Amino acid sequence: MASHKIVTLIGAPLLAEMIVRSMTSRKDGFEAIMRYILPINFHDVIIPTVTSKTFQRGFWMVILVTTLGNICLAAVTLLLDMSLPKNYSMHQ
């Protein structure tokens, strides 16, 4: 559980911030894609929301906390479930 908490409390926010900062430099391309995908009626409402740093930060935090937390727990569980073969002895 400690590894899960470390990843979700420290790793996910840092990674989300890195993603948001890298997406800021690509904002024009992202807006162009959104204008192509969305109907014209929704451009004024959805595009400013989706391209805002606050929305992106929240979106990536949710995605990263759930996925990184589960990956971390699965890795720890896998490591803890590993065992030596039953017929293995230290003094062969």
PDB file of N, CA and C in Angstrom:
ATOM      1  N   MET A   1       0.820  -1.203   0.000  1.00  0.00           N
ATOM      2  CA  MET A   1       0.000   0.000   0.000  1.00  0.00           C
ATOM      3  C   MET A   1       0.861   1.264   0.000  1.00  0.00           C
ATOM      4  N   ALA A   2       2.020   1.185   0.618  1.00  0.00           N
ATOM      5  CA  ALA A   2       2.889   2.363   0.670  1.00  0.00           C
ATOM      6  C   ALA A   2       3.333   2.758  -0.734  1.00  0.00           C
ATOM      7  N   SER A   3       3.672   1.763  -1.554  1.00  0.00           N
ATOM      8  CA  SER A   3       4.094   2.082  -2.926  1.00  0.00           C
ATOM      9  C   SER A   3       2.952   2.703  -3.718  1.00  0.00           C
ATOM     10  N   HIS A   4       1.741   2.221  -3.494  1.00  0.00           N
ATOM     11  CA  HIS A   4       0.559   2.783  -4.160  1.00  0.00           C
ATOM     12  C   HIS A   4       0.374   4.239  -3.752  1.00  0.00           C
ATOM     13  N   LYS A   5       0.502   4.528  -2.479  1.00  0.00           N
ATOM     14  CA  LYS A   5       0.323   5.900  -1.993  1.00  0.00           C
ATOM     15  C   LYS A   5       1.414   6.830  -2.525  1.00  0.00           C
ATOM     16  N   ILE A   6       2.642   6.343  -2.567  1.00  0.00           N
ATOM     17  CA  ILE A   6       3.736   7.166  -3.081  1.00  0.00           C
ATOM     18  C   ILE A   6       3.500   7.506  -4.549  1.00  0.00           C
ATOM     19  N   VAL A   7       3.088   6.504  -5.324  1.00  0.00           N
ATOM     20  CA  VAL A   7       2.841   6.735  -6.754  1.00  0.00           C
ATOM     21  C   VAL A   7       1.672   7.679  -6.955  1.00  0.00           C
ATOM     22  N   THR A   8       0.590   7.495  -6.191  1.00  0.00           N
ATOM     23  CA  THR A   8      -0.593   8.330  -6.411  1.00  0.00           C
ATOM     24  C   THR A   8      -0.441   9.735  -5.823  1.00  0.00           C
ATOM     25  N   LEU A   9       0.316   9.883  -4.755  1.00  0.00           N
ATOM     26  CA  LEU A   9       0.446  11.203  -4.136  1.00  0.00           C
ATOM     27  C   LEU A   9       1.607  12.024  -4.688  1.00  0.00           C
ATOM     28  N   ILE A  10       2.638  11.367  -5.190  1.00  0.00           N
ATOM     29  CA  ILE A  10       3.805  12.093  -5.689  1.00  0.00           C
ATOM     30  C   ILE A  10       3.999  11.896  -7.193  1.00  0.00           C
ATOM     31  N   GLY A  11       4.024  10.650  -7.634  1.00  0.00           N
ATOM     32  CA  GLY A  11       4.324  10.346  -9.029  1.00  0.00           C
ATOM     33  C   GLY A  11       3.273  10.852 -10.007  1.00  0.00           C
ATOM     34  N   ALA A  12       2.011  10.588  -9.721  1.00  0.00           N
ATOM     35  CA  ALA A  12       0.938  10.982 -10.643  1.00  0.00           C
ATOM     36  C   ALA A  12       0.843  12.500 -10.817  1.00  0.00           C
ATOM     37  N   PRO A  13       0.875  13.299  -9.738  1.00  0.00           N
ATOM     38  CA  PRO A  13       0.818  14.753  -9.948  1.00  0.00           C
ATOM     39  C   PRO A  13       2.005  15.303 -10.743  1.00  0.00           C
ATOM     40  N   LEU A  14       3.195  14.787 -10.473  1.00  0.00           N
ATOM     41  CA  LEU A  14       4.366  15.260 -11.211  1.00  0.00           C
ATOM     42  C   LEU A  14       4.276  14.895 -12.684  1.00  0.00           C
ATOM     43  N   LEU A  15       3.869  13.672 -12.964  1.00  0.00           N
ATOM     44  CA  LEU A  15       3.730  13.237 -14.345  1.00  0.00           C
ATOM     45  C   LEU A  15       2.621  14.005 -15.056  1.00  0.00           C
ATOM     46  N   ALA A  16       1.511  14.251 -14.363  1.00  0.00           N
ATOM     47  CA  ALA A  16       0.413  15.032 -14.952  1.00  0.00           C
ATOM     48  C   ALA A  16       0.878  16.434 -15.300  1.00  0.00           C
ATOM     49  N   GLU A  17       1.648  17.052 -14.426  1.00  0.00           N
ATOM     50  CA  GLU A  17       2.155  18.403 -14.698  1.00  0.00           C
ATOM     51  C   GLU A  17       3.093  18.403 -15.899  1.00  0.00           C
ATOM     52  N   MET A  18       3.915  17.375 -16.021  1.00  0.00           N
ATOM     53  CA  MET A  18       4.801  17.283 -17.180  1.00  0.00           C
ATOM     54  C   MET A  18       3.997  17.150 -18.472  1.00  0.00           C
ATOM     55  N   ILE A  19       2.941  16.353 -18.444  1.00  0.00           N
ATOM     56  CA  ILE A  19       2.102  16.169 -19.631  1.00  0.00           C
ATOM     57  C   ILE A  19       1.415  17.478 -19.997  1.00  0.00           C
ATOM     58  N   VAL A  20       0.849  18.167 -18.997  1.00  0.00           N
ATOM     59  CA  VAL A  20       0.150  19.431 -19.253  1.00  0.00           C
ATOM     60  C   VAL A  20       1.111  20.463 -19.841  1.00  0.00           C
ATOM     61  N   ARG A  21       2.319  20.547 -19.309  1.00  0.00           N
ATOM     62  CA  ARG A  21       3.295  21.508 -19.834  1.00  0.00           C
ATOM     63  C   ARG A  21       3.710  21.168 -21.263  1.00  0.00           C
ATOM     64  N   SER A  22       3.838  19.886 -21.564  1.00  0.00           N
ATOM     65  CA  SER A  22       4.218  19.516 -22.930  1.00  0.00           C
ATOM     66  C   SER A  22       3.057  19.747 -23.894  1.00  0.00           C
ATOM     67  N   MET A  23       1.826  19.581 -23.413  1.00  0.00           N
ATOM     68  CA  MET A  23       0.664  19.817 -24.278  1.00  0.00           C
ATOM     69  C   MET A  23       0.440  21.311 -24.521  1.00  0.00           C
ATOM     70  N   THR A  24       0.895  22.152 -23.604  1.00  0.00           N
ATOM     71  CA  THR A  24       0.748  23.599 -23.778  1.00  0.00           C
ATOM     72  C   THR A  24       1.503  24.070 -25.012  1.00  0.00           C
ATOM     73  N   SER A  25       2.645  23.475 -25.249  1.00  0.00           N
ATOM     74  CA  SER A  25       3.417  23.865 -26.428  1.00  0.00           C
ATOM     75  C   SER A  25       2.772  23.375 -27.724  1.00  0.00           C
ATOM     76  N   ARG A  26       1.867  22.422 -27.605  1.00  0.00           N
ATOM     77  CA  ARG A  26       1.174  21.885 -28.780  1.00  0.00           C
ATOM     78  C   ARG A  26      -0.303  22.297 -28.819  1.00  0.00           C
ATOM     79  N   LYS A  27      -0.634  23.374 -28.125  1.00  0.00           N
ATOM     80  CA  LYS A  27      -2.027  23.794 -27.990  1.00  0.00           C
ATOM     81  C   LYS A  27      -2.686  24.090 -29.335  1.00  0.00           C
ATOM     82  N   ASP A  28      -1.971  24.732 -30.247  1.00  0.00           N
ATOM     83  CA  ASP A  28      -2.551  25.085 -31.548  1.00  0.00           C
ATOM     84  C   ASP A  28      -2.945  23.842 -32.340  1.00  0.00           C
ATOM     85  N   GLY A  29      -2.107  22.846 -32.336  1.00  0.00           N
ATOM     86  CA  GLY A  29      -2.419  21.594 -33.037  1.00  0.00           C
ATOM     87  C   GLY A  29      -3.590  20.870 -32.415  1.00  0.00           C
ATOM     88  N   PHE A  30      -3.637  20.886 -31.072  1.00  0.00           N
ATOM     89  CA  PHE A  30      -4.742  20.243 -30.363  1.00  0.00           C
ATOM     90  C   PHE A  30      -6.057  20.949 -30.656  1.00  0.00           C
ATOM     91  N   GLU A  31      -6.029  22.280 -30.681  1.00  0.00           N
ATOM     92  CA  GLU A  31      -7.237  23.045 -31.016  1.00  0.00           C
ATOM     93  C   GLU A  31      -7.689  22.756 -32.442  1.00  0.00           C
ATOM     94  N   ALA A  32      -6.754  22.627 -33.367  1.00  0.00           N
ATOM     95  CA  ALA A  32      -7.110  22.337 -34.762  1.00  0.00           C
ATOM     96  C   ALA A  32      -7.800  20.976 -34.865  1.00  0.00           C
ATOM     97  N   ILE A  33      -7.306  20.006 -34.132  1.00  0.00           N
ATOM     98  CA  ILE A  33      -7.931  18.677 -34.135  1.00  0.00           C
ATOM     99  C   ILE A  33      -9.333  18.751 -33.555  1.00  0.00           C
ATOM    100  N   MET A  34      -9.481  19.483 -32.452  1.00  0.00           N
ATOM    101  CA  MET A  34     -10.805  19.628 -31.829  1.00  0.00           C
ATOM    102  C   MET A  34     -11.783  20.331 -32.777  1.00  0.00           C
ATOM    103  N   ARG A  35     -11.331  21.339 -33.502  1.00  0.00           N
ATOM    104  CA  ARG A  35     -12.204  22.044 -34.445  1.00  0.00           C
ATOM    105  C   ARG A  35     -12.631  21.122 -35.588  1.00  0.00           C
ATOM    106  N   TYR A  36     -11.773  20.203 -35.948  1.00  0.00           N
ATOM    107  CA  TYR A  36     -12.087  19.251 -37.007  1.00  0.00           C
ATOM    108  C   TYR A  36     -13.086  18.196 -36.520  1.00  0.00           C
ATOM    109  N   ILE A  37     -12.936  17.752 -35.280  1.00  0.00           N
ATOM    110  CA  ILE A  37     -13.772  16.667 -34.740  1.00  0.00           C
ATOM    111  C   ILE A  37     -15.147  17.162 -34.299  1.00  0.00           C
ATOM    112  N   LEU A  38     -15.184  18.285 -33.581  1.00  0.00           N
ATOM    113  CA  LEU A  38     -16.429  18.770 -32.979  1.00  0.00           C
ATOM    114  C   LEU A  38     -17.291  19.534 -33.973  1.00  0.00           C
ATOM    115  N   PRO A  39     -18.611  19.434 -33.808  1.00  0.00           N
ATOM    116  CA  PRO A  39     -19.499  20.280 -34.613  1.00  0.00           C
ATOM    117  C   PRO A  39     -19.279  21.759 -34.272  1.00  0.00           C
ATOM    118  N   ILE A  40     -19.532  22.629 -35.234  1.00  0.00           N
ATOM    119  CA  ILE A  40     -19.290  24.068 -35.079  1.00  0.00           C
ATOM    120  C   ILE A  40     -20.068  24.644 -33.890  1.00  0.00           C
ATOM    121  N   ASN A  41     -21.237  24.123 -33.605  1.00  0.00           N
ATOM    122  CA  ASN A  41     -22.058  24.634 -32.502  1.00  0.00           C
ATOM    123  C   ASN A  41     -21.353  24.538 -31.148  1.00  0.00           C
ATOM    124  N   PHE A  42     -20.435  23.601 -30.992  1.00  0.00           N
ATOM    125  CA  PHE A  42     -19.796  23.356 -29.703  1.00  0.00           C
ATOM    126  C   PHE A  42     -18.398  23.976 -29.572  1.00  0.00           C
ATOM    127  N   HIS A  43     -17.895  24.606 -30.612  1.00  0.00           N
ATOM    128  CA  HIS A  43     -16.539  25.158 -30.585  1.00  0.00           C
ATOM    129  C   HIS A  43     -16.340  26.169 -29.454  1.00  0.00           C
ATOM    130  N   ASP A  44     -17.288  27.082 -29.267  1.00  0.00           N
ATOM    131  CA  ASP A  44     -17.131  28.149 -28.273  1.00  0.00           C
ATOM    132  C   ASP A  44     -17.203  27.642 -26.835  1.00  0.00           C
ATOM    133  N   VAL A  45     -17.824  26.499 -26.620  1.00  0.00           N
ATOM    134  CA  VAL A  45     -17.993  25.982 -25.265  1.00  0.00           C
ATOM    135  C   VAL A  45     -16.934  24.938 -24.922  1.00  0.00           C
ATOM    136  N   ILE A  46     -16.761  23.971 -25.782  1.00  0.00           N
ATOM    137  CA  ILE A  46     -15.924  22.818 -25.451  1.00  0.00           C
ATOM    138  C   ILE A  46     -14.435  23.086 -25.651  1.00  0.00           C
ATOM    139  N   ILE A  47     -14.047  23.734 -26.723  1.00  0.00           N
ATOM    140  CA  ILE A  47     -12.620  23.923 -27.009  1.00  0.00           C
ATOM    141  C   ILE A  47     -11.896  24.717 -25.915  1.00  0.00           C
ATOM    142  N   PRO A  48     -12.435  25.846 -25.425  1.00  0.00           N
ATOM    143  CA  PRO A  48     -11.727  26.538 -24.338  1.00  0.00           C
ATOM    144  C   PRO A  48     -11.635  25.693 -23.062  1.00  0.00           C
ATOM    145  N   THR A  49     -12.651  24.888 -22.810  1.00  0.00           N
ATOM    146  CA  THR A  49     -12.630  24.035 -21.617  1.00  0.00           C
ATOM    147  C   THR A  49     -11.589  22.936 -21.745  1.00  0.00           C
ATOM    148  N   VAL A  50     -11.607  22.233 -22.863  1.00  0.00           N
ATOM    149  CA  VAL A  50     -10.715  21.090 -23.049  1.00  0.00           C
ATOM    150  C   VAL A  50      -9.251  21.524 -23.176  1.00  0.00           C
ATOM    151  N   THR A  51      -9.013  22.701 -23.698  1.00  0.00           N
ATOM    152  CA  THR A  51      -7.630  23.156 -23.859  1.00  0.00           C
ATOM    153  C   THR A  51      -7.103  23.917 -22.644  1.00  0.00           C
ATOM    154  N   SER A  52      -7.941  24.098 -21.619  1.00  0.00           N
ATOM    155  CA  SER A  52      -7.465  24.804 -20.423  1.00  0.00           C
ATOM    156  C   SER A  52      -6.545  23.904 -19.599  1.00  0.00           C
ATOM    157  N   LYS A  53      -5.577  24.516 -18.943  1.00  0.00           N
ATOM    158  CA  LYS A  53      -4.629  23.767 -18.119  1.00  0.00           C
ATOM    159  C   LYS A  53      -5.328  23.079 -16.951  1.00  0.00           C
ATOM    160  N   THR A  54      -6.332  23.726 -16.394  1.00  0.00           N
ATOM    161  CA  THR A  54      -7.039  23.156 -15.244  1.00  0.00           C
ATOM    162  C   THR A  54      -7.748  21.867 -15.625  1.00  0.00           C
ATOM    163  N   PHE A  55      -8.451  21.871 -16.740  1.00  0.00           N
ATOM    164  CA  PHE A  55      -9.141  20.665 -17.193  1.00  0.00           C
ATOM    165  C   PHE A  55      -8.139  19.559 -17.490  1.00  0.00           C
ATOM    166  N   GLN A  56      -7.088  19.885 -18.215  1.00  0.00           N
ATOM    167  CA  GLN A  56      -6.099  18.875 -18.573  1.00  0.00           C
ATOM    168  C   GLN A  56      -5.409  18.306 -17.341  1.00  0.00           C
ATOM    169  N   ARG A  57      -5.096  19.150 -16.388  1.00  0.00           N
ATOM    170  CA  ARG A  57      -4.448  18.695 -15.159  1.00  0.00           C
ATOM    171  C   ARG A  57      -5.364  17.716 -14.422  1.00  0.00           C
ATOM    172  N   GLY A  58      -6.631  18.052 -14.289  1.00  0.00           N
ATOM    173  CA  GLY A  58      -7.592  17.158 -13.621  1.00  0.00           C
ATOM    174  C   GLY A  58      -7.787  15.862 -14.383  1.00  0.00           C
ATOM    175  N   PHE A  59      -7.915  15.967 -15.693  1.00  0.00           N
ATOM    176  CA  PHE A  59      -8.097  14.783 -16.533  1.00  0.00           C
ATOM    177  C   PHE A  59      -6.927  13.817 -16.388  1.00  0.00           C
ATOM    178  N   TRP A  60      -5.704  14.333 -16.530  1.00  0.00           N
ATOM    179  CA  TRP A  60      -4.520  13.479 -16.439  1.00  0.00           C
ATOM    180  C   TRP A  60      -4.308  12.945 -15.028  1.00  0.00           C
ATOM    181  N   MET A  61      -4.684  13.707 -14.008  1.00  0.00           N
ATOM    182  CA  MET A  61      -4.569  13.210 -12.634  1.00  0.00           C
ATOM    183  C   MET A  61      -5.463  11.991 -12.435  1.00  0.00           C
ATOM    184  N   VAL A  62      -6.698  12.067 -12.903  1.00  0.00           N
ATOM    185  CA  VAL A  62      -7.610  10.932 -12.756  1.00  0.00           C
ATOM    186  C   VAL A  62      -7.074   9.715 -13.496  1.00  0.00           C
ATOM    187  N   ILE A  63      -6.660   9.910 -14.734  1.00  0.00           N
ATOM    188  CA  ILE A  63      -6.139   8.792 -15.536  1.00  0.00           C
ATOM    189  C   ILE A  63      -4.896   8.188 -14.889  1.00  0.00           C
ATOM    190  N   LEU A  64      -3.954   9.031 -14.495  1.00  0.00           N
ATOM    191  CA  LEU A  64      -2.696   8.536 -13.952  1.00  0.00           C
ATOM    192  C   LEU A  64      -2.842   7.909 -12.571  1.00  0.00           C
ATOM    193  N   VAL A  65      -3.672   8.484 -11.717  1.00  0.00           N
ATOM    194  CA  VAL A  65      -3.856   7.904 -10.383  1.00  0.00           C
ATOM    195  C   VAL A  65      -4.466   6.512 -10.495  1.00  0.00           C
ATOM    196  N   THR A  66      -5.460   6.360 -11.348  1.00  0.00           N
ATOM    197  CA  THR A  66      -6.090   5.042 -11.459  1.00  0.00           C
ATOM    198  C   THR A  66      -5.180   4.025 -12.136  1.00  0.00           C
ATOM    199  N   THR A  67      -4.525   4.410 -13.212  1.00  0.00           N
ATOM    200  CA  THR A  67      -3.702   3.424 -13.925  1.00  0.00           C
ATOM    201  C   THR A  67      -2.384   3.158 -13.220  1.00  0.00           C
ATOM    202  N   LEU A  68      -1.666   4.208 -12.806  1.00  0.00           N
ATOM    203  CA  LEU A  68      -0.387   3.992 -12.136  1.00  0.00           C
ATOM    204  C   LEU A  68      -0.567   3.289 -10.796  1.00  0.00           C
ATOM    205  N   GLY A  69      -1.624   3.648 -10.083  1.00  0.00           N
ATOM    206  CA  GLY A  69      -1.893   2.989  -8.809  1.00  0.00           C
ATOM    207  C   GLY A  69      -2.150   1.498  -8.995  1.00  0.00           C
ATOM    208  N   ASN A  70      -2.944   1.154  -9.995  1.00  0.00           N
ATOM    209  CA  ASN A  70      -3.233  -0.261 -10.251  1.00  0.00           C
ATOM    210  C   ASN A  70      -1.995  -1.004 -10.746  1.00  0.00           C
ATOM    211  N   ILE A  71      -1.205  -0.377 -11.587  1.00  0.00           N
ATOM    212  CA  ILE A  71       0.025  -1.012 -12.073  1.00  0.00           C
ATOM    213  C   ILE A  71       0.981  -1.253 -10.903  1.00  0.00           C
ATOM    214  N   CYS A  72       1.106  -0.269 -10.046  1.00  0.00           N
ATOM    215  CA  CYS A  72       1.999  -0.391  -8.897  1.00  0.00           C
ATOM    216  C   CYS A  72       1.541  -1.514  -7.967  1.00  0.00           C
ATOM    217  N   LEU A  73       0.249  -1.563  -7.678  1.00  0.00           N
ATOM    218  CA  LEU A  73      -0.268  -2.630  -6.819  1.00  0.00           C
ATOM    219  C   LEU A  73      -0.094  -4.003  -7.461  1.00  0.00           C
ATOM    220  N   ALA A  74      -0.303  -4.099  -8.753  1.00  0.00           N
ATOM    221  CA  ALA A  74      -0.132  -5.373  -9.447  1.00  0.00           C
ATOM    222  C   ALA A  74       1.328  -5.817  -9.410  1.00  0.00           C
ATOM    223  N   ALA A  75       2.251  -4.886  -9.575  1.00  0.00           N
ATOM    224  CA  ALA A  75       3.674  -5.229  -9.545  1.00  0.00           C
ATOM    225  C   ALA A  75       4.089  -5.700  -8.157  1.00  0.00           C
ATOM    226  N   VAL A  76       3.632  -5.022  -7.119  1.00  0.00           N
ATOM    227  CA  VAL A  76       3.963  -5.432  -5.751  1.00  0.00           C
ATOM    228  C   VAL A  76       3.349  -6.790  -5.441  1.00  0.00           C
ATOM    229  N   THR A  77       2.121  -7.000  -5.863  1.00  0.00           N
ATOM    230  CA  THR A  77       1.464  -8.293  -5.642  1.00  0.00           C
ATOM    231  C   THR A  77       2.223  -9.400  -6.360  1.00  0.00           C
ATOM    232  N   LEU A  78       2.638  -9.147  -7.577  1.00  0.00           N
ATOM    233  CA  LEU A  78       3.403 -10.139  -8.329  1.00  0.00           C
ATOM    234  C   LEU A  78       4.712 -10.474  -7.620  1.00  0.00           C
ATOM    235  N   LEU A  79       5.409  -9.460  -7.140  1.00  0.00           N
ATOM    236  CA  LEU A  79       6.658  -9.689  -6.425  1.00  0.00           C
ATOM    237  C   LEU A  79       6.437 -10.466  -5.134  1.00  0.00           C
ATOM    238  N   LEU A  80       5.368 -10.142  -4.422  1.00  0.00           N
ATOM    239  CA  LEU A  80       5.093 -10.838  -3.166  1.00  0.00           C
ATOM    240  C   LEU A  80       4.616 -12.269  -3.390  1.00  0.00           C
ATOM    241  N   ASP A  81       3.984 -12.524  -4.515  1.00  0.00           N
ATOM    242  CA  ASP A  81       3.497 -13.868  -4.814  1.00  0.00           C
ATOM    243  C   ASP A  81       4.602 -14.794  -5.315  1.00  0.00           C
ATOM    244  N   MET A  82       5.741 -14.224  -5.702  1.00  0.00           N
ATOM    245  CA  MET A  82       6.843 -15.062  -6.167  1.00  0.00           C
ATOM    246  C   MET A  82       7.387 -15.868  -4.996  1.00  0.00           C
ATOM    247  N   SER A  83       7.690 -17.106  -5.274  1.00  0.00           N
ATOM    248  CA  SER A  83       8.272 -17.945  -4.220  1.00  0.00           C
ATOM    249  C   SER A  83       9.252 -18.918  -4.848  1.00  0.00           C
ATOM    250  N   LEU A  84      10.083 -19.463  -4.034  1.00  0.00           N
ATOM    251  CA  LEU A  84      11.034 -20.467  -4.503  1.00  0.00           C
ATOM    252  C   LEU A  84      10.297 -21.768  -4.761  1.00  0.00           C
ATOM    253  N   PRO A  85      10.794 -22.583  -5.666  1.00  0.00           N
ATOM    254  CA  PRO A  85      10.159 -23.882  -5.887  1.00  0.00           C
ATOM    255  C   PRO A  85      10.172 -24.692  -4.589  1.00  0.00           C
ATOM    256  N   LYS A  86       9.186 -25.571  -4.439  1.00  0.00           N
ATOM    257  CA  LYS A  86       9.042 -26.333  -3.199  1.00  0.00           C
ATOM    258  C   LYS A  86      10.228 -27.250  -2.945  1.00  0.00           C
ATOM    259  N   ASN A  87      10.861 -27.764  -3.988  1.00  0.00           N
ATOM    260  CA  ASN A  87      11.972 -28.684  -3.785  1.00  0.00           C
ATOM    261  C   ASN A  87      13.325 -27.978  -3.757  1.00  0.00           C
ATOM    262  N   TYR A  88      13.337 -26.655  -3.711  1.00  0.00           N
ATOM    263  CA  TYR A  88      14.583 -25.886  -3.688  1.00  0.00           C
ATOM    264  C   TYR A  88      15.110 -25.841  -2.264  1.00  0.00           C
ATOM    265  N   SER A  89      16.406 -26.055  -2.122  1.00  0.00           N
ATOM    266  CA  SER A  89      16.999 -25.934  -0.799  1.00  0.00           C
ATOM    267  C   SER A  89      18.230 -25.050  -0.897  1.00  0.00           C
ATOM    268  N   MET A  90      18.479 -24.286   0.120  1.00  0.00           N
ATOM    269  CA  MET A  90      19.595 -23.345   0.140  1.00  0.00           C
ATOM    270  C   MET A  90      20.935 -24.070   0.241  1.00  0.00           C
ATOM    271  N   HIS A  91      20.957 -25.285   0.807  1.00  0.00           N
ATOM    272  CA  HIS A  91      22.208 -26.005   1.066  1.00  0.00           C
ATOM    273  C   HIS A  91      22.313 -27.209   0.129  1.00  0.00           C
ATOM    274  N   GLN A  92      22.428 -26.982  -1.165  1.00  0.00           N
ATOM    275  CA  GLN A  92      22.499 -28.108  -2.092  1.00  0.00           C
ATOM    276  C   GLN A  92      23.837 -28.724  -2.138  1.00  0.00           C
TER     277      GLN A  92
END
